[in-house]
Amino acid sequence: MKNGMKEKNNTILCLGNDGEEIEFFVLEQTTLAGKNYLLVADSIEDDGVVMIMKEISLEDDFVSYEIVEDDEELKMISNIFNELVEDFEVSL
């Protein structure tokens, strides 16, 4: 799933496949091998869904991300986010 996004403070606005805006909270970000990754959640409540997204393009003020779905890449980035975020564990 690809979404066009524009960063807004600690949130990003995503354009879903249906064109509707979805707001995600950015919990952390990191760069690995020249690629930017975001750890995002759809809610700041305990029951929120957490995802890892990878930057795929940058054009003007808009950045496109996609959800990381490759198991090896997801495992590697999850380990990094687990080290960066205190009291938080990403599990697959």
N, C-alpha and C. Protein backbone atom coordinates (compact mmCIF):
# COMPACT_ATOMS: atom_id res chain seq x y z
N MET A 1 0.84 -1.17 0.00
CA MET A 1 0.00 0.00 0.00
C MET A 1 0.88 1.23 0.00
N LYS A 2 0.68 2.10 -0.94
CA LYS A 2 1.46 3.32 -1.02
C LYS A 2 0.57 4.49 -0.66
N ASN A 3 1.13 5.41 0.08
CA ASN A 3 0.38 6.58 0.50
C ASN A 3 1.23 7.81 0.30
N GLY A 4 0.64 8.90 -0.17
CA GLY A 4 1.32 10.18 -0.21
C GLY A 4 1.17 10.81 1.15
N MET A 5 2.25 11.35 1.71
CA MET A 5 2.18 11.87 3.07
C MET A 5 2.88 13.20 3.17
N LYS A 6 2.43 14.01 4.08
CA LYS A 6 3.07 15.27 4.42
C LYS A 6 3.20 15.31 5.94
N GLU A 7 4.43 15.58 6.44
CA GLU A 7 4.64 15.58 7.88
C GLU A 7 4.02 16.81 8.52
N LYS A 8 3.46 16.63 9.70
CA LYS A 8 2.82 17.70 10.46
C LYS A 8 3.15 17.47 11.93
N ASN A 9 4.15 18.19 12.46
CA ASN A 9 4.61 18.02 13.83
C ASN A 9 4.97 16.55 14.07
N ASN A 10 4.37 15.91 15.05
CA ASN A 10 4.65 14.51 15.34
C ASN A 10 3.62 13.59 14.71
N THR A 11 2.95 14.08 13.70
CA THR A 11 1.99 13.26 12.97
C THR A 11 2.26 13.39 11.49
N ILE A 12 1.77 12.43 10.74
CA ILE A 12 1.79 12.53 9.28
C ILE A 12 0.39 12.27 8.78
N LEU A 13 0.05 12.96 7.72
CA LEU A 13 -1.24 12.76 7.08
C LEU A 13 -1.02 11.89 5.86
N CYS A 14 -1.78 10.81 5.76
CA CYS A 14 -1.65 9.87 4.66
C CYS A 14 -2.89 9.97 3.79
N LEU A 15 -2.68 9.81 2.51
CA LEU A 15 -3.81 9.69 1.60
C LEU A 15 -3.98 8.22 1.31
N GLY A 16 -5.08 7.65 1.79
CA GLY A 16 -5.36 6.24 1.57
C GLY A 16 -5.74 5.97 0.13
N ASN A 17 -5.91 4.72 -0.20
CA ASN A 17 -6.26 4.32 -1.56
C ASN A 17 -7.57 4.95 -2.03
N ASP A 18 -8.47 5.27 -1.08
CA ASP A 18 -9.74 5.88 -1.43
C ASP A 18 -9.67 7.41 -1.44
N GLY A 19 -8.47 7.98 -1.21
CA GLY A 19 -8.29 9.42 -1.21
C GLY A 19 -8.59 10.09 0.11
N GLU A 20 -9.02 9.32 1.10
CA GLU A 20 -9.33 9.87 2.42
C GLU A 20 -8.04 10.07 3.22
N GLU A 21 -7.96 11.19 3.97
CA GLU A 21 -6.80 11.46 4.80
C GLU A 21 -6.85 10.63 6.07
N ILE A 22 -5.69 10.03 6.42
CA ILE A 22 -5.55 9.25 7.64
C ILE A 22 -4.37 9.85 8.40
N GLU A 23 -4.55 10.09 9.69
CA GLU A 23 -3.47 10.66 10.49
C GLU A 23 -2.79 9.56 11.29
N PHE A 24 -1.45 9.52 11.22
CA PHE A 24 -0.65 8.60 12.01
C PHE A 24 0.27 9.40 12.92
N PHE A 25 0.50 8.88 14.11
CA PHE A 25 1.40 9.48 15.07
C PHE A 25 2.79 8.88 14.86
N VAL A 26 3.81 9.73 14.69
CA VAL A 26 5.18 9.26 14.49
C VAL A 26 5.79 9.04 15.87
N LEU A 27 6.12 7.78 16.16
CA LEU A 27 6.69 7.42 17.45
C LEU A 27 8.21 7.54 17.44
N GLU A 28 8.82 7.23 16.29
CA GLU A 28 10.27 7.26 16.16
C GLU A 28 10.61 7.21 14.68
N GLN A 29 11.82 7.63 14.35
CA GLN A 29 12.30 7.49 12.98
C GLN A 29 13.77 7.14 13.00
N THR A 30 14.23 6.47 11.94
CA THR A 30 15.62 6.08 11.83
C THR A 30 15.98 5.97 10.35
N THR A 31 17.27 5.92 10.08
CA THR A 31 17.78 5.74 8.72
C THR A 31 18.69 4.53 8.71
N LEU A 32 18.50 3.67 7.73
CA LEU A 32 19.32 2.48 7.56
C LEU A 32 19.64 2.32 6.09
N ALA A 33 20.92 2.21 5.78
CA ALA A 33 21.38 2.04 4.39
C ALA A 33 20.81 3.13 3.47
N GLY A 34 20.75 4.36 3.99
CA GLY A 34 20.28 5.48 3.19
C GLY A 34 18.77 5.59 3.03
N LYS A 35 18.02 4.70 3.67
CA LYS A 35 16.55 4.74 3.59
C LYS A 35 15.99 5.20 4.94
N ASN A 36 14.98 6.07 4.89
CA ASN A 36 14.33 6.55 6.10
C ASN A 36 13.15 5.66 6.45
N TYR A 37 13.03 5.35 7.74
CA TYR A 37 11.94 4.52 8.25
C TYR A 37 11.24 5.26 9.37
N LEU A 38 9.92 5.07 9.46
CA LEU A 38 9.12 5.64 10.52
C LEU A 38 8.41 4.53 11.28
N LEU A 39 8.35 4.67 12.59
CA LEU A 39 7.52 3.83 13.43
C LEU A 39 6.29 4.67 13.74
N VAL A 40 5.12 4.26 13.24
CA VAL A 40 3.91 5.06 13.37
C VAL A 40 2.81 4.25 14.03
N ALA A 41 1.85 4.98 14.62
CA ALA A 41 0.68 4.35 15.24
C ALA A 41 -0.56 5.11 14.81
N ASP A 42 -1.68 4.41 14.72
CA ASP A 42 -2.92 5.07 14.34
C ASP A 42 -3.61 5.72 15.54
N SER A 43 -3.07 5.49 16.74
CA SER A 43 -3.62 6.06 17.97
C SER A 43 -2.51 6.12 19.00
N ILE A 44 -2.60 7.06 19.92
CA ILE A 44 -1.61 7.09 21.00
C ILE A 44 -2.10 6.31 22.22
N GLU A 45 -3.26 5.71 22.11
CA GLU A 45 -3.80 4.86 23.17
C GLU A 45 -3.10 3.50 23.14
N ASP A 46 -3.22 2.74 24.21
CA ASP A 46 -2.55 1.44 24.32
C ASP A 46 -3.00 0.44 23.26
N ASP A 47 -4.21 0.59 22.73
CA ASP A 47 -4.72 -0.39 21.77
C ASP A 47 -4.50 0.03 20.32
N GLY A 48 -3.62 1.03 20.09
CA GLY A 48 -3.36 1.49 18.73
C GLY A 48 -2.58 0.47 17.92
N VAL A 49 -2.74 0.54 16.61
CA VAL A 49 -2.01 -0.32 15.69
C VAL A 49 -0.71 0.37 15.32
N VAL A 50 0.41 -0.34 15.42
CA VAL A 50 1.73 0.19 15.13
C VAL A 50 2.24 -0.42 13.84
N MET A 51 2.85 0.42 12.99
CA MET A 51 3.40 -0.04 11.71
C MET A 51 4.76 0.59 11.48
N ILE A 52 5.55 -0.06 10.66
CA ILE A 52 6.81 0.51 10.22
C ILE A 52 6.65 0.85 8.74
N MET A 53 7.01 2.10 8.41
CA MET A 53 6.87 2.57 7.03
C MET A 53 8.23 3.00 6.52
N LYS A 54 8.44 2.81 5.21
CA LYS A 54 9.71 3.14 4.55
C LYS A 54 9.47 4.24 3.52
N GLU A 55 10.35 5.26 3.53
CA GLU A 55 10.26 6.32 2.54
C GLU A 55 10.63 5.77 1.16
N ILE A 56 9.78 6.05 0.18
CA ILE A 56 10.08 5.57 -1.17
C ILE A 56 10.31 6.69 -2.16
N SER A 57 9.84 7.90 -1.86
CA SER A 57 10.14 9.03 -2.74
C SER A 57 9.89 10.35 -2.02
N LEU A 58 10.57 11.39 -2.50
CA LEU A 58 10.43 12.73 -1.95
C LEU A 58 10.26 13.69 -3.12
N GLU A 59 9.18 14.46 -3.09
CA GLU A 59 8.91 15.41 -4.15
C GLU A 59 8.32 16.66 -3.54
N ASP A 60 9.01 17.79 -3.68
CA ASP A 60 8.61 19.06 -3.07
C ASP A 60 8.45 18.85 -1.57
N ASP A 61 7.30 19.17 -1.01
CA ASP A 61 7.06 18.98 0.42
C ASP A 61 6.38 17.65 0.73
N PHE A 62 6.19 16.81 -0.27
CA PHE A 62 5.47 15.55 -0.08
C PHE A 62 6.43 14.37 -0.12
N VAL A 63 6.21 13.46 0.81
CA VAL A 63 7.01 12.25 0.91
C VAL A 63 6.06 11.07 0.76
N SER A 64 6.48 10.06 0.02
CA SER A 64 5.68 8.84 -0.11
C SER A 64 6.33 7.74 0.70
N TYR A 65 5.51 7.03 1.45
CA TYR A 65 5.95 5.90 2.26
C TYR A 65 5.13 4.69 1.88
N GLU A 66 5.69 3.53 2.19
CA GLU A 66 4.93 2.30 2.07
C GLU A 66 5.18 1.47 3.32
N ILE A 67 4.22 0.66 3.67
CA ILE A 67 4.35 -0.21 4.84
C ILE A 67 5.37 -1.29 4.52
N VAL A 68 6.29 -1.51 5.45
CA VAL A 68 7.31 -2.55 5.28
C VAL A 68 6.65 -3.90 5.47
N GLU A 69 6.71 -4.74 4.44
CA GLU A 69 6.08 -6.05 4.51
C GLU A 69 7.07 -7.20 4.37
N ASP A 70 8.29 -6.92 3.89
CA ASP A 70 9.31 -7.95 3.74
C ASP A 70 9.76 -8.41 5.13
N ASP A 71 9.66 -9.71 5.41
CA ASP A 71 9.93 -10.24 6.74
C ASP A 71 11.34 -9.93 7.24
N GLU A 72 12.36 -10.09 6.39
CA GLU A 72 13.74 -9.84 6.80
C GLU A 72 13.96 -8.35 7.10
N GLU A 73 13.46 -7.49 6.22
CA GLU A 73 13.59 -6.05 6.43
C GLU A 73 12.83 -5.63 7.69
N LEU A 74 11.65 -6.16 7.88
CA LEU A 74 10.82 -5.84 9.04
C LEU A 74 11.51 -6.26 10.34
N LYS A 75 12.11 -7.43 10.34
CA LYS A 75 12.81 -7.93 11.52
C LYS A 75 14.00 -7.03 11.86
N MET A 76 14.77 -6.65 10.86
CA MET A 76 15.95 -5.82 11.06
C MET A 76 15.56 -4.43 11.60
N ILE A 77 14.57 -3.81 11.00
CA ILE A 77 14.14 -2.48 11.43
C ILE A 77 13.44 -2.54 12.79
N SER A 78 12.69 -3.59 13.05
CA SER A 78 12.04 -3.76 14.35
C SER A 78 13.07 -3.80 15.47
N ASN A 79 14.17 -4.51 15.25
CA ASN A 79 15.23 -4.58 16.25
C ASN A 79 15.81 -3.20 16.55
N ILE A 80 15.98 -2.39 15.52
CA ILE A 80 16.50 -1.03 15.71
C ILE A 80 15.52 -0.20 16.51
N PHE A 81 14.23 -0.24 16.14
CA PHE A 81 13.24 0.54 16.88
C PHE A 81 13.10 0.07 18.32
N ASN A 82 13.25 -1.23 18.57
CA ASN A 82 13.20 -1.73 19.94
C ASN A 82 14.30 -1.12 20.80
N GLU A 83 15.48 -0.86 20.20
CA GLU A 83 16.57 -0.25 20.93
C GLU A 83 16.37 1.25 21.11
N LEU A 84 15.72 1.90 20.15
CA LEU A 84 15.55 3.36 20.20
C LEU A 84 14.43 3.81 21.13
N VAL A 85 13.39 3.02 21.26
CA VAL A 85 12.21 3.44 22.01
C VAL A 85 12.18 2.74 23.36
N GLU A 86 12.28 3.54 24.44
CA GLU A 86 12.23 2.99 25.80
C GLU A 86 10.85 2.45 26.12
N ASP A 87 10.80 1.40 26.89
CA ASP A 87 9.54 0.81 27.35
C ASP A 87 8.60 0.47 26.21
N PHE A 88 9.16 0.03 25.12
CA PHE A 88 8.36 -0.29 23.95
C PHE A 88 9.02 -1.44 23.24
N GLU A 89 8.23 -2.39 22.79
CA GLU A 89 8.79 -3.51 22.04
C GLU A 89 7.93 -3.81 20.84
N VAL A 90 8.57 -3.80 19.68
CA VAL A 90 7.90 -4.17 18.45
C VAL A 90 8.03 -5.67 18.31
N SER A 91 6.92 -6.36 18.19
CA SER A 91 6.97 -7.80 18.00
C SER A 91 6.25 -8.12 16.70
N LEU A 92 6.77 -9.14 16.02
CA LEU A 92 6.22 -9.51 14.71
C LEU A 92 5.18 -10.60 14.86
